[in-house]
Amino acid sequence: MSKATTRDPWIDKNRLYNRKKSEVEHLIDDAEAEMKVQHIRYLERKEHGSHKDMMRALLKYTRAKAVYDTVRWVAVERGAPHPMAGKFANQSTPNNR
């Protein structure tokens, strides 16, 4: 047996990460809090701010949501929806040049 197969990280007995449960939960809580803050900023800037600031808040919200969904799917919840299974994940965007 080669070294590559004896140290295969995909074997059921090996974890692919070495984080404690509390660290993973802390990351999820941070991402969720960031999502909420950026969503509020987005709504505020949609009403009374510049378009650039509104889009920045929306991008930050999207980033935090991606972290939140991915960590839930990978490390925490059984049956969590796949992070790329959203209704917009497989749509191509137009080329706005």
C-alpha atoms as a PDB file:
ATOM      1  CA  MET A   1       0.000   0.000   0.000  1.00  0.00           C
ATOM      2  CA  SER A   2       1.386   3.406  -0.901  1.00  0.00           C
ATOM      3  CA  LYS A   3       1.748   6.349   1.456  1.00  0.00           C
ATOM      4  CA  ALA A   4      -0.900   8.259  -0.482  1.00  0.00           C
ATOM      5  CA  THR A   5      -3.601   5.694   0.283  1.00  0.00           C
ATOM      6  CA  THR A   6      -2.627   5.160   3.927  1.00  0.00           C
ATOM      7  CA  ARG A   7      -2.930   8.902   4.680  1.00  0.00           C
ATOM      8  CA  ASP A   8      -6.020   9.492   2.599  1.00  0.00           C
ATOM      9  CA  PRO A   9      -7.943  12.401   4.206  1.00  0.00           C
ATOM     10  CA  TRP A  10     -11.239  11.173   2.773  1.00  0.00           C
ATOM     11  CA  ILE A  11     -11.394   8.074   4.978  1.00  0.00           C
ATOM     12  CA  ASP A  12     -14.385   8.178   7.342  1.00  0.00           C
ATOM     13  CA  LYS A  13     -12.212   8.037  10.455  1.00  0.00           C
ATOM     14  CA  ASN A  14     -10.268  11.210   9.663  1.00  0.00           C
ATOM     15  CA  ARG A  15     -11.638  14.693  10.116  1.00  0.00           C
ATOM     16  CA  LEU A  16     -10.715  17.206   7.459  1.00  0.00           C
ATOM     17  CA  TYR A  17     -10.465  20.048   9.953  1.00  0.00           C
ATOM     18  CA  ASN A  18      -9.036  20.398  13.433  1.00  0.00           C
ATOM     19  CA  ARG A  19     -11.326  23.054  14.879  1.00  0.00           C
ATOM     20  CA  LYS A  20     -13.209  22.681  18.117  1.00  0.00           C
ATOM     21  CA  LYS A  21     -16.993  22.729  18.037  1.00  0.00           C
ATOM     22  CA  SER A  22     -16.983  26.027  19.921  1.00  0.00           C
ATOM     23  CA  GLU A  23     -14.748  27.626  17.255  1.00  0.00           C
ATOM     24  CA  VAL A  24     -17.073  26.504  14.469  1.00  0.00           C
ATOM     25  CA  GLU A  25     -20.128  27.751  16.361  1.00  0.00           C
ATOM     26  CA  HIS A  26     -18.357  31.070  17.001  1.00  0.00           C
ATOM     27  CA  LEU A  27     -17.665  31.434  13.268  1.00  0.00           C
ATOM     28  CA  ILE A  28     -21.321  30.736  12.492  1.00  0.00           C
ATOM     29  CA  ASP A  29     -22.463  33.289  15.078  1.00  0.00           C
ATOM     30  CA  ASP A  30     -20.056  35.896  13.693  1.00  0.00           C
ATOM     31  CA  ALA A  31     -21.199  35.288  10.125  1.00  0.00           C
ATOM     32  CA  GLU A  32     -24.846  35.494  11.154  1.00  0.00           C
ATOM     33  CA  ALA A  33     -24.250  38.756  13.031  1.00  0.00           C
ATOM     34  CA  GLU A  34     -22.397  40.188  10.017  1.00  0.00           C
ATOM     35  CA  MET A  35     -25.294  39.173   7.758  1.00  0.00           C
ATOM     36  CA  LYS A  36     -27.755  41.037   9.977  1.00  0.00           C
ATOM     37  CA  VAL A  37     -25.598  44.166  10.204  1.00  0.00           C
ATOM     38  CA  GLN A  38     -24.990  44.330   6.471  1.00  0.00           C
ATOM     39  CA  HIS A  39     -28.656  43.699   5.676  1.00  0.00           C
ATOM     40  CA  ILE A  40     -29.629  46.645   7.897  1.00  0.00           C
ATOM     41  CA  ARG A  41     -26.955  48.816   6.263  1.00  0.00           C
ATOM     42  CA  TYR A  42     -28.204  47.769   2.836  1.00  0.00           C
ATOM     43  CA  LEU A  43     -31.771  48.771   3.675  1.00  0.00           C
ATOM     44  CA  GLU A  44     -30.654  52.091   5.206  1.00  0.00           C
ATOM     45  CA  ARG A  45     -28.501  52.950   2.209  1.00  0.00           C
ATOM     46  CA  LYS A  46     -31.207  51.900  -0.203  1.00  0.00           C
ATOM     47  CA  GLU A  47     -33.419  54.570   1.340  1.00  0.00           C
ATOM     48  CA  HIS A  48     -30.922  57.338   2.084  1.00  0.00           C
ATOM     49  CA  GLY A  49     -27.481  56.471   0.768  1.00  0.00           C
ATOM     50  CA  SER A  50     -25.438  56.279  -2.367  1.00  0.00           C
ATOM     51  CA  HIS A  51     -25.751  53.442  -4.823  1.00  0.00           C
ATOM     52  CA  LYS A  52     -22.087  52.524  -4.311  1.00  0.00           C
ATOM     53  CA  ASP A  53     -22.504  52.180  -0.534  1.00  0.00           C
ATOM     54  CA  MET A  54     -25.709  50.197  -0.987  1.00  0.00           C
ATOM     55  CA  MET A  55     -23.961  47.734  -3.319  1.00  0.00           C
ATOM     56  CA  ARG A  56     -21.005  47.416  -0.963  1.00  0.00           C
ATOM     57  CA  ALA A  57     -23.328  46.461   1.914  1.00  0.00           C
ATOM     58  CA  LEU A  58     -25.083  43.960  -0.341  1.00  0.00           C
ATOM     59  CA  LEU A  59     -21.773  42.372  -1.341  1.00  0.00           C
ATOM     60  CA  LYS A  60     -20.678  42.119   2.292  1.00  0.00           C
ATOM     61  CA  TYR A  61     -24.015  40.528   3.181  1.00  0.00           C
ATOM     62  CA  THR A  62     -23.604  38.007   0.367  1.00  0.00           C
ATOM     63  CA  ARG A  63     -20.097  37.135   1.524  1.00  0.00           C
ATOM     64  CA  ALA A  64     -21.237  36.583   5.113  1.00  0.00           C
ATOM     65  CA  LYS A  65     -24.175  34.463   3.922  1.00  0.00           C
ATOM     66  CA  ALA A  66     -21.829  32.308   1.845  1.00  0.00           C
ATOM     67  CA  VAL A  67     -19.609  31.695   4.872  1.00  0.00           C
ATOM     68  CA  TYR A  68     -22.620  30.939   7.060  1.00  0.00           C
ATOM     69  CA  ASP A  69     -24.210  28.497   4.599  1.00  0.00           C
ATOM     70  CA  THR A  70     -20.933  26.746   3.792  1.00  0.00           C
ATOM     71  CA  VAL A  71     -19.880  26.214   7.408  1.00  0.00           C
ATOM     72  CA  ARG A  72     -23.337  24.922   8.298  1.00  0.00           C
ATOM     73  CA  TRP A  73     -23.232  22.520   5.365  1.00  0.00           C
ATOM     74  CA  VAL A  74     -19.673  21.292   5.900  1.00  0.00           C
ATOM     75  CA  ALA A  75     -19.231  21.105   9.640  1.00  0.00           C
ATOM     76  CA  VAL A  76     -22.428  21.432  11.597  1.00  0.00           C
ATOM     77  CA  GLU A  77     -25.819  20.381  10.342  1.00  0.00           C
ATOM     78  CA  ARG A  78     -26.996  17.157   8.836  1.00  0.00           C
ATOM     79  CA  GLY A  79     -29.487  17.882   6.111  1.00  0.00           C
ATOM     80  CA  ALA A  80     -28.399  21.513   5.704  1.00  0.00           C
ATOM     81  CA  PRO A  81     -29.090  22.715   2.161  1.00  0.00           C
ATOM     82  CA  HIS A  82     -26.141  22.741  -0.210  1.00  0.00           C
ATOM     83  CA  PRO A  83     -24.644  26.260  -0.331  1.00  0.00           C
ATOM     84  CA  MET A  84     -24.796  26.337  -4.127  1.00  0.00           C
ATOM     85  CA  ALA A  85     -28.361  25.021  -4.355  1.00  0.00           C
ATOM     86  CA  GLY A  86     -29.918  28.489  -4.273  1.00  0.00           C
ATOM     87  CA  LYS A  87     -32.131  29.779  -7.022  1.00  0.00           C
ATOM     88  CA  PHE A  88     -29.440  32.139  -8.324  1.00  0.00           C
ATOM     89  CA  ALA A  89     -26.385  29.886  -8.060  1.00  0.00           C
ATOM     90  CA  ASN A  90     -26.586  28.404 -11.541  1.00  0.00           C
ATOM     91  CA  GLN A  91     -27.741  31.452 -13.473  1.00  0.00           C
ATOM     92  CA  SER A  92     -25.236  33.197 -15.670  1.00  0.00           C
ATOM     93  CA  THR A  93     -25.020  36.962 -15.496  1.00  0.00           C
ATOM     94  CA  PRO A  94     -25.080  39.184 -18.548  1.00  0.00           C
ATOM     95  CA  ASN A  95     -21.866  40.701 -19.739  1.00  0.00           C
ATOM     96  CA  ASN A  96     -22.298  44.414 -19.080  1.00  0.00           C
ATOM     97  CA  ARG A  97     -19.465  46.011 -21.026  1.00  0.00           C
END
